[in-house]
Amino acid sequence: MKSRIIFSLLFSIFSGLQAIACEVCQANQPKALKNITHGTGPQGNWDYIIISVAVVIVSITLFLSLKFLIKPGEKDPAHIKNIVVEQKP
């Protein structure tokens, strides 16, 4: 069940990548980013550093949010999560 959800999520994210950039944008993009984004793309090395840092921050945030959403680790029966999450016998 979990693998089916993960596969569906990944498929929906990566299936649309080829349809994002138009022909004009493809000509103006650096070789590494062709068919991915609109616009002129990164203009210098600082842009790549900023994008890399943003990707790391978003990845860590996504990982931690999913981790604590799926298995929060709180055992207290009075915890607020028990309002939303049903306890399985």
PDB file of N, CA and C in Angstrom:
ATOM      1  N   MET A   1       0.822  -1.190   0.000  1.00  0.00           N
ATOM      2  CA  MET A   1       0.000   0.000   0.000  1.00  0.00           C
ATOM      3  C   MET A   1       0.865   1.254   0.000  1.00  0.00           C
ATOM      4  N   LYS A   2       1.877   1.300   0.891  1.00  0.00           N
ATOM      5  CA  LYS A   2       2.752   2.464   0.953  1.00  0.00           C
ATOM      6  C   LYS A   2       3.553   2.610  -0.337  1.00  0.00           C
ATOM      7  N   SER A   3       4.053   1.505  -0.872  1.00  0.00           N
ATOM      8  CA  SER A   3       4.850   1.590  -2.090  1.00  0.00           C
ATOM      9  C   SER A   3       3.999   2.066  -3.264  1.00  0.00           C
ATOM     10  N   ARG A   4       2.737   1.709  -3.274  1.00  0.00           N
ATOM     11  CA  ARG A   4       1.840   2.158  -4.340  1.00  0.00           C
ATOM     12  C   ARG A   4       1.646   3.678  -4.275  1.00  0.00           C
ATOM     13  N   ILE A   5       1.490   4.210  -3.075  1.00  0.00           N
ATOM     14  CA  ILE A   5       1.311   5.653  -2.894  1.00  0.00           C
ATOM     15  C   ILE A   5       2.585   6.387  -3.278  1.00  0.00           C
ATOM     16  N   ILE A   6       3.724   5.879  -2.837  1.00  0.00           N
ATOM     17  CA  ILE A   6       5.002   6.515  -3.151  1.00  0.00           C
ATOM     18  C   ILE A   6       5.252   6.494  -4.649  1.00  0.00           C
ATOM     19  N   PHE A   7       4.993   5.366  -5.293  1.00  0.00           N
ATOM     20  CA  PHE A   7       5.173   5.266  -6.739  1.00  0.00           C
ATOM     21  C   PHE A   7       4.264   6.240  -7.474  1.00  0.00           C
ATOM     22  N   SER A   8       3.015   6.335  -7.059  1.00  0.00           N
ATOM     23  CA  SER A   8       2.078   7.253  -7.701  1.00  0.00           C
ATOM     24  C   SER A   8       2.526   8.702  -7.543  1.00  0.00           C
ATOM     25  N   LEU A   9       3.009   9.045  -6.364  1.00  0.00           N
ATOM     26  CA  LEU A   9       3.488  10.396  -6.109  1.00  0.00           C
ATOM     27  C   LEU A   9       4.703  10.714  -6.970  1.00  0.00           C
ATOM     28  N   LEU A  10       5.683   9.828  -6.991  1.00  0.00           N
ATOM     29  CA  LEU A  10       6.872  10.050  -7.803  1.00  0.00           C
ATOM     30  C   LEU A  10       6.546  10.106  -9.290  1.00  0.00           C
ATOM     31  N   PHE A  11       5.660   9.250  -9.747  1.00  0.00           N
ATOM     32  CA  PHE A  11       5.275   9.254 -11.156  1.00  0.00           C
ATOM     33  C   PHE A  11       4.608  10.563 -11.536  1.00  0.00           C
ATOM     34  N   SER A  12       3.721  11.056 -10.674  1.00  0.00           N
ATOM     35  CA  SER A  12       3.028  12.304 -10.994  1.00  0.00           C
ATOM     36  C   SER A  12       3.982  13.493 -10.987  1.00  0.00           C
ATOM     37  N   ILE A  13       5.001  13.458 -10.142  1.00  0.00           N
ATOM     38  CA  ILE A  13       5.970  14.553 -10.098  1.00  0.00           C
ATOM     39  C   ILE A  13       6.857  14.543 -11.338  1.00  0.00           C
ATOM     40  N   PHE A  14       7.404  13.383 -11.683  1.00  0.00           N
ATOM     41  CA  PHE A  14       8.379  13.310 -12.758  1.00  0.00           C
ATOM     42  C   PHE A  14       7.783  13.146 -14.147  1.00  0.00           C
ATOM     43  N   SER A  15       6.520  12.841 -14.271  1.00  0.00           N
ATOM     44  CA  SER A  15       5.939  12.646 -15.592  1.00  0.00           C
ATOM     45  C   SER A  15       5.730  13.954 -16.333  1.00  0.00           C
ATOM     46  N   GLY A  16       5.583  15.062 -15.629  1.00  0.00           N
ATOM     47  CA  GLY A  16       5.319  16.334 -16.287  1.00  0.00           C
ATOM     48  C   GLY A  16       6.547  17.164 -16.584  1.00  0.00           C
ATOM     49  N   LEU A  17       7.740  16.680 -16.274  1.00  0.00           N
ATOM     50  CA  LEU A  17       8.931  17.499 -16.457  1.00  0.00           C
ATOM     51  C   LEU A  17       9.185  17.886 -17.909  1.00  0.00           C
ATOM     52  N   GLN A  18       8.910  17.026 -18.856  1.00  0.00           N
ATOM     53  CA  GLN A  18       9.175  17.339 -20.246  1.00  0.00           C
ATOM     54  C   GLN A  18       8.221  18.391 -20.803  1.00  0.00           C
ATOM     55  N   ALA A  19       7.065  18.556 -20.199  1.00  0.00           N
ATOM     56  CA  ALA A  19       6.071  19.486 -20.714  1.00  0.00           C
ATOM     57  C   ALA A  19       6.201  20.883 -20.127  1.00  0.00           C
ATOM     58  N   ILE A  20       7.173  21.146 -19.284  1.00  0.00           N
ATOM     59  CA  ILE A  20       7.249  22.429 -18.586  1.00  0.00           C
ATOM     60  C   ILE A  20       7.868  23.523 -19.458  1.00  0.00           C
ATOM     61  N   ALA A  21       8.944  23.280 -20.156  1.00  0.00           N
ATOM     62  CA  ALA A  21       9.642  24.321 -20.907  1.00  0.00           C
ATOM     63  C   ALA A  21       9.137  24.428 -22.339  1.00  0.00           C
ATOM     64  N   CYS A  22       9.046  25.671 -22.840  1.00  0.00           N
ATOM     65  CA  CYS A  22       8.630  25.884 -24.233  1.00  0.00           C
ATOM     66  C   CYS A  22       9.876  25.907 -25.135  1.00  0.00           C
ATOM     67  N   GLU A  23       9.677  26.007 -26.458  1.00  0.00           N
ATOM     68  CA  GLU A  23      10.802  25.932 -27.403  1.00  0.00           C
ATOM     69  C   GLU A  23      11.764  27.105 -27.257  1.00  0.00           C
ATOM     70  N   VAL A  24      11.244  28.302 -27.019  1.00  0.00           N
ATOM     71  CA  VAL A  24      12.112  29.475 -26.863  1.00  0.00           C
ATOM     72  C   VAL A  24      12.971  29.336 -25.613  1.00  0.00           C
ATOM     73  N   CYS A  25      12.353  28.877 -24.537  1.00  0.00           N
ATOM     74  CA  CYS A  25      13.098  28.713 -23.284  1.00  0.00           C
ATOM     75  C   CYS A  25      14.144  27.614 -23.401  1.00  0.00           C
ATOM     76  N   GLN A  26      13.855  26.577 -24.159  1.00  0.00           N
ATOM     77  CA  GLN A  26      14.825  25.499 -24.324  1.00  0.00           C
ATOM     78  C   GLN A  26      16.093  26.011 -24.985  1.00  0.00           C
ATOM     79  N   ALA A  27      15.960  26.941 -25.918  1.00  0.00           N
ATOM     80  CA  ALA A  27      17.130  27.481 -26.610  1.00  0.00           C
ATOM     81  C   ALA A  27      17.969  28.366 -25.694  1.00  0.00           C
ATOM     82  N   ASN A  28      17.341  29.003 -24.697  1.00  0.00           N
ATOM     83  CA  ASN A  28      18.054  29.915 -23.803  1.00  0.00           C
ATOM     84  C   ASN A  28      18.583  29.254 -22.537  1.00  0.00           C
ATOM     85  N   GLN A  29      18.258  28.015 -22.327  1.00  0.00           N
ATOM     86  CA  GLN A  29      18.658  27.324 -21.101  1.00  0.00           C
ATOM     87  C   GLN A  29      20.071  26.767 -21.216  1.00  0.00           C
ATOM     88  N   PRO A  30      20.787  26.682 -20.075  1.00  0.00           N
ATOM     89  CA  PRO A  30      22.058  25.948 -20.069  1.00  0.00           C
ATOM     90  C   PRO A  30      21.794  24.471 -20.367  1.00  0.00           C
ATOM     91  N   LYS A  31      22.808  23.785 -20.809  1.00  0.00           N
ATOM     92  CA  LYS A  31      22.654  22.391 -21.229  1.00  0.00           C
ATOM     93  C   LYS A  31      22.062  21.510 -20.130  1.00  0.00           C
ATOM     94  N   ALA A  32      22.443  21.723 -18.884  1.00  0.00           N
ATOM     95  CA  ALA A  32      21.974  20.877 -17.779  1.00  0.00           C
ATOM     96  C   ALA A  32      20.496  21.083 -17.463  1.00  0.00           C
ATOM     97  N   LEU A  33      19.922  22.238 -17.832  1.00  0.00           N
ATOM     98  CA  LEU A  33      18.536  22.539 -17.463  1.00  0.00           C
ATOM     99  C   LEU A  33      17.566  22.545 -18.642  1.00  0.00           C
ATOM    100  N   LYS A  34      17.988  22.107 -19.799  1.00  0.00           N
ATOM    101  CA  LYS A  34      17.085  22.091 -20.955  1.00  0.00           C
ATOM    102  C   LYS A  34      15.857  21.235 -20.656  1.00  0.00           C
ATOM    103  N   ASN A  35      14.693  21.676 -21.127  1.00  0.00           N
ATOM    104  CA  ASN A  35      13.396  20.987 -20.972  1.00  0.00           C
ATOM    105  C   ASN A  35      12.893  20.965 -19.536  1.00  0.00           C
ATOM    106  N   ILE A  36      13.454  21.763 -18.651  1.00  0.00           N
ATOM    107  CA  ILE A  36      13.012  21.717 -17.259  1.00  0.00           C
ATOM    108  C   ILE A  36      12.302  22.998 -16.843  1.00  0.00           C
ATOM    109  N   THR A  37      12.874  24.173 -17.147  1.00  0.00           N
ATOM    110  CA  THR A  37      12.305  25.418 -16.629  1.00  0.00           C
ATOM    111  C   THR A  37      12.068  26.438 -17.738  1.00  0.00           C
ATOM    112  N   HIS A  38      11.230  27.431 -17.425  1.00  0.00           N
ATOM    113  CA  HIS A  38      11.025  28.570 -18.320  1.00  0.00           C
ATOM    114  C   HIS A  38      12.016  29.659 -17.968  1.00  0.00           C
ATOM    115  N   GLY A  39      12.228  30.580 -18.870  1.00  0.00           N
ATOM    116  CA  GLY A  39      13.098  31.714 -18.599  1.00  0.00           C
ATOM    117  C   GLY A  39      14.523  31.467 -19.038  1.00  0.00           C
ATOM    118  N   THR A  40      15.391  32.369 -18.642  1.00  0.00           N
ATOM    119  CA  THR A  40      16.783  32.285 -19.084  1.00  0.00           C
ATOM    120  C   THR A  40      17.625  31.338 -18.246  1.00  0.00           C
ATOM    121  N   GLY A  41      17.151  30.994 -17.073  1.00  0.00           N
ATOM    122  CA  GLY A  41      17.899  30.085 -16.215  1.00  0.00           C
ATOM    123  C   GLY A  41      18.943  30.820 -15.406  1.00  0.00           C
ATOM    124  N   PRO A  42      19.777  30.099 -14.695  1.00  0.00           N
ATOM    125  CA  PRO A  42      20.802  30.722 -13.857  1.00  0.00           C
ATOM    126  C   PRO A  42      21.771  31.545 -14.696  1.00  0.00           C
ATOM    127  N   GLN A  43      22.118  32.740 -14.195  1.00  0.00           N
ATOM    128  CA  GLN A  43      23.000  33.651 -14.927  1.00  0.00           C
ATOM    129  C   GLN A  43      24.452  33.559 -14.490  1.00  0.00           C
ATOM    130  N   GLY A  44      24.711  32.959 -13.344  1.00  0.00           N
ATOM    131  CA  GLY A  44      26.090  32.868 -12.867  1.00  0.00           C
ATOM    132  C   GLY A  44      26.228  31.781 -11.820  1.00  0.00           C
ATOM    133  N   ASN A  45      27.431  31.682 -11.273  1.00  0.00           N
ATOM    134  CA  ASN A  45      27.706  30.644 -10.279  1.00  0.00           C
ATOM    135  C   ASN A  45      26.919  30.844  -8.997  1.00  0.00           C
ATOM    136  N   TRP A  46      26.673  32.111  -8.611  1.00  0.00           N
ATOM    137  CA  TRP A  46      25.905  32.377  -7.400  1.00  0.00           C
ATOM    138  C   TRP A  46      24.499  31.820  -7.506  1.00  0.00           C
ATOM    139  N   ASP A  47      23.922  31.862  -8.692  1.00  0.00           N
ATOM    140  CA  ASP A  47      22.572  31.325  -8.879  1.00  0.00           C
ATOM    141  C   ASP A  47      22.540  29.821  -8.620  1.00  0.00           C
ATOM    142  N   TYR A  48      23.573  29.119  -9.071  1.00  0.00           N
ATOM    143  CA  TYR A  48      23.641  27.676  -8.826  1.00  0.00           C
ATOM    144  C   TYR A  48      23.811  27.378  -7.336  1.00  0.00           C
ATOM    145  N   ILE A  49      24.583  28.200  -6.637  1.00  0.00           N
ATOM    146  CA  ILE A  49      24.770  28.015  -5.197  1.00  0.00           C
ATOM    147  C   ILE A  49      23.457  28.247  -4.464  1.00  0.00           C
ATOM    148  N   ILE A  50      22.751  29.318  -4.826  1.00  0.00           N
ATOM    149  CA  ILE A  50      21.466  29.622  -4.193  1.00  0.00           C
ATOM    150  C   ILE A  50      20.467  28.505  -4.441  1.00  0.00           C
ATOM    151  N   ILE A  51      20.403  28.010  -5.668  1.00  0.00           N
ATOM    152  CA  ILE A  51      19.473  26.926  -6.007  1.00  0.00           C
ATOM    153  C   ILE A  51      19.847  25.658  -5.246  1.00  0.00           C
ATOM    154  N   SER A  52      21.127  25.354  -5.144  1.00  0.00           N
ATOM    155  CA  SER A  52      21.567  24.153  -4.435  1.00  0.00           C
ATOM    156  C   SER A  52      21.202  24.216  -2.956  1.00  0.00           C
ATOM    157  N   VAL A  53      21.425  25.372  -2.334  1.00  0.00           N
ATOM    158  CA  VAL A  53      21.079  25.535  -0.917  1.00  0.00           C
ATOM    159  C   VAL A  53      19.572  25.404  -0.723  1.00  0.00           C
ATOM    160  N   ALA A  54      18.794  25.995  -1.635  1.00  0.00           N
ATOM    161  CA  ALA A  54      17.337  25.897  -1.540  1.00  0.00           C
ATOM    162  C   ALA A  54      16.870  24.448  -1.691  1.00  0.00           C
ATOM    163  N   VAL A  55      17.474  23.703  -2.599  1.00  0.00           N
ATOM    164  CA  VAL A  55      17.105  22.298  -2.786  1.00  0.00           C
ATOM    165  C   VAL A  55      17.421  21.493  -1.527  1.00  0.00           C
ATOM    166  N   VAL A  56      18.566  21.755  -0.905  1.00  0.00           N
ATOM    167  CA  VAL A  56      18.930  21.047   0.326  1.00  0.00           C
ATOM    168  C   VAL A  56      17.934  21.367   1.440  1.00  0.00           C
ATOM    169  N   ILE A  57      17.595  22.648   1.598  1.00  0.00           N
ATOM    170  CA  ILE A  57      16.651  23.046   2.649  1.00  0.00           C
ATOM    171  C   ILE A  57      15.284  22.423   2.425  1.00  0.00           C
ATOM    172  N   VAL A  58      14.799  22.456   1.191  1.00  0.00           N
ATOM    173  CA  VAL A  58      13.487  21.868   0.890  1.00  0.00           C
ATOM    174  C   VAL A  58      13.510  20.356   1.091  1.00  0.00           C
ATOM    175  N   SER A  59      14.590  19.705   0.693  1.00  0.00           N
ATOM    176  CA  SER A  59      14.686  18.250   0.868  1.00  0.00           C
ATOM    177  C   SER A  59      14.679  17.857   2.341  1.00  0.00           C
ATOM    178  N   ILE A  60      15.441  18.575   3.159  1.00  0.00           N
ATOM    179  CA  ILE A  60      15.460  18.288   4.598  1.00  0.00           C
ATOM    180  C   ILE A  60      14.095  18.527   5.216  1.00  0.00           C
ATOM    181  N   THR A  61      13.463  19.635   4.828  1.00  0.00           N
ATOM    182  CA  THR A  61      12.137  19.956   5.351  1.00  0.00           C
ATOM    183  C   THR A  61      11.116  18.895   4.957  1.00  0.00           C
ATOM    184  N   LEU A  62      11.143  18.462   3.702  1.00  0.00           N
ATOM    185  CA  LEU A  62      10.214  17.429   3.241  1.00  0.00           C
ATOM    186  C   LEU A  62      10.448  16.122   3.989  1.00  0.00           C
ATOM    187  N   PHE A  63      11.708  15.724   4.129  1.00  0.00           N
ATOM    188  CA  PHE A  63      12.028  14.484   4.834  1.00  0.00           C
ATOM    189  C   PHE A  63      11.527  14.516   6.274  1.00  0.00           C
ATOM    190  N   LEU A  64      11.857  15.596   6.980  1.00  0.00           N
ATOM    191  CA  LEU A  64      11.457  15.686   8.385  1.00  0.00           C
ATOM    192  C   LEU A  64       9.943  15.778   8.554  1.00  0.00           C
ATOM    193  N   SER A  65       9.283  16.510   7.677  1.00  0.00           N
ATOM    194  CA  SER A  65       7.824  16.614   7.802  1.00  0.00           C
ATOM    195  C   SER A  65       7.153  15.271   7.548  1.00  0.00           C
ATOM    196  N   LEU A  66       7.627  14.527   6.553  1.00  0.00           N
ATOM    197  CA  LEU A  66       7.060  13.196   6.304  1.00  0.00           C
ATOM    198  C   LEU A  66       7.392  12.238   7.442  1.00  0.00           C
ATOM    199  N   LYS A  67       8.604  12.330   7.950  1.00  0.00           N
ATOM    200  CA  LYS A  67       9.020  11.452   9.050  1.00  0.00           C
ATOM    201  C   LYS A  67       8.128  11.647  10.271  1.00  0.00           C
ATOM    202  N   PHE A  68       7.911  12.897  10.663  1.00  0.00           N
ATOM    203  CA  PHE A  68       7.113  13.160  11.851  1.00  0.00           C
ATOM    204  C   PHE A  68       5.622  13.037  11.598  1.00  0.00           C
ATOM    205  N   LEU A  69       5.206  13.100  10.349  1.00  0.00           N
ATOM    206  CA  LEU A  69       3.800  12.877  10.024  1.00  0.00           C
ATOM    207  C   LEU A  69       3.472  11.390  10.070  1.00  0.00           C
ATOM    208  N   ILE A  70       4.349  10.572   9.524  1.00  0.00           N
ATOM    209  CA  ILE A  70       4.098   9.130   9.444  1.00  0.00           C
ATOM    210  C   ILE A  70       4.305   8.457  10.806  1.00  0.00           C
ATOM    211  N   LYS A  71       5.387   8.802  11.488  1.00  0.00           N
ATOM    212  CA  LYS A  71       5.694   8.167  12.772  1.00  0.00           C
ATOM    213  C   LYS A  71       6.182   9.223  13.756  1.00  0.00           C
ATOM    214  N   PRO A  72       5.258   9.925  14.393  1.00  0.00           N
ATOM    215  CA  PRO A  72       5.645  11.043  15.250  1.00  0.00           C
ATOM    216  C   PRO A  72       6.419  10.645  16.501  1.00  0.00           C
ATOM    217  N   GLY A  73       6.214   9.445  17.027  1.00  0.00           N
ATOM    218  CA  GLY A  73       6.972   8.996  18.182  1.00  0.00           C
ATOM    219  C   GLY A  73       6.446   9.477  19.524  1.00  0.00           C
ATOM    220  N   GLU A  74       5.350  10.161  19.544  1.00  0.00           N
ATOM    221  CA  GLU A  74       4.767  10.643  20.798  1.00  0.00           C
ATOM    222  C   GLU A  74       3.888   9.543  21.374  1.00  0.00           C
ATOM    223  N   LYS A  75       4.136   9.177  22.620  1.00  0.00           N
ATOM    224  CA  LYS A  75       3.406   8.073  23.256  1.00  0.00           C
ATOM    225  C   LYS A  75       2.318   8.528  24.224  1.00  0.00           C
ATOM    226  N   ASP A  76       2.294   9.799  24.577  1.00  0.00           N
ATOM    227  CA  ASP A  76       1.332  10.322  25.545  1.00  0.00           C
ATOM    228  C   ASP A  76      -0.093  10.246  24.983  1.00  0.00           C
ATOM    229  N   PRO A  77      -1.031   9.560  25.674  1.00  0.00           N
ATOM    230  CA  PRO A  77      -2.397   9.442  25.162  1.00  0.00           C
ATOM    231  C   PRO A  77      -3.135  10.776  25.107  1.00  0.00           C
ATOM    232  N   ALA A  78      -2.669  11.777  25.836  1.00  0.00           N
ATOM    233  CA  ALA A  78      -3.313  13.090  25.813  1.00  0.00           C
ATOM    234  C   ALA A  78      -2.725  14.010  24.747  1.00  0.00           C
ATOM    235  N   HIS A  79      -1.817  13.492  23.937  1.00  0.00           N
ATOM    236  CA  HIS A  79      -1.183  14.313  22.910  1.00  0.00           C
ATOM    237  C   HIS A  79      -2.204  14.728  21.859  1.00  0.00           C
ATOM    238  N   ILE A  80      -2.023  15.906  21.281  1.00  0.00           N
ATOM    239  CA  ILE A  80      -3.002  16.460  20.346  1.00  0.00           C
ATOM    240  C   ILE A  80      -3.142  15.620  19.072  1.00  0.00           C
ATOM    241  N   LYS A  81      -2.111  14.861  18.709  1.00  0.00           N
ATOM    242  CA  LYS A  81      -2.203  14.038  17.500  1.00  0.00           C
ATOM    243  C   LYS A  81      -3.321  13.003  17.599  1.00  0.00           C
ATOM    244  N   ASN A  82      -3.689  12.616  18.814  1.00  0.00           N
ATOM    245  CA  ASN A  82      -4.721  11.600  18.982  1.00  0.00           C
ATOM    246  C   ASN A  82      -6.113  12.112  18.630  1.00  0.00           C
ATOM    247  N   ILE A  83      -6.251  13.401  18.473  1.00  0.00           N
ATOM    248  CA  ILE A  83      -7.516  13.945  17.973  1.00  0.00           C
ATOM    249  C   ILE A  83      -7.685  13.576  16.506  1.00  0.00           C
ATOM    250  N   VAL A  84      -6.565  13.541  15.772  1.00  0.00           N
ATOM    251  CA  VAL A  84      -6.596  13.296  14.323  1.00  0.00           C
ATOM    252  C   VAL A  84      -6.334  11.828  13.987  1.00  0.00           C
ATOM    253  N   VAL A  85      -5.323  11.250  14.620  1.00  0.00           N
ATOM    254  CA  VAL A  85      -4.900   9.883  14.307  1.00  0.00           C
ATOM    255  C   VAL A  85      -5.700   8.904  15.158  1.00  0.00           C
ATOM    256  N   GLU A  86      -6.269   7.927  14.488  1.00  0.00           N
ATOM    257  CA  GLU A  86      -7.010   6.893  15.231  1.00  0.00           C
ATOM    258  C   GLU A  86      -6.032   5.847  15.735  1.00  0.00           C
ATOM    259  N   GLN A  87      -6.211   5.432  16.965  1.00  0.00           N
ATOM    260  CA  GLN A  87      -5.361   4.402  17.525  1.00  0.00           C
ATOM    261  C   GLN A  87      -5.824   3.044  17.023  1.00  0.00           C
ATOM    262  N   LYS A  88      -4.876   2.253  16.534  1.00  0.00           N
ATOM    263  CA  LYS A  88      -5.186   0.913  16.058  1.00  0.00           C
ATOM    264  C   LYS A  88      -5.019  -0.062  17.222  1.00  0.00           C
ATOM    265  N   PRO A  89      -5.958  -0.983  17.393  1.00  0.00           N
ATOM    266  CA  PRO A  89      -5.851  -1.943  18.499  1.00  0.00           C
ATOM    267  C   PRO A  89      -4.740  -2.952  18.299  1.00  0.00           C
TER     268      PRO A  89
END
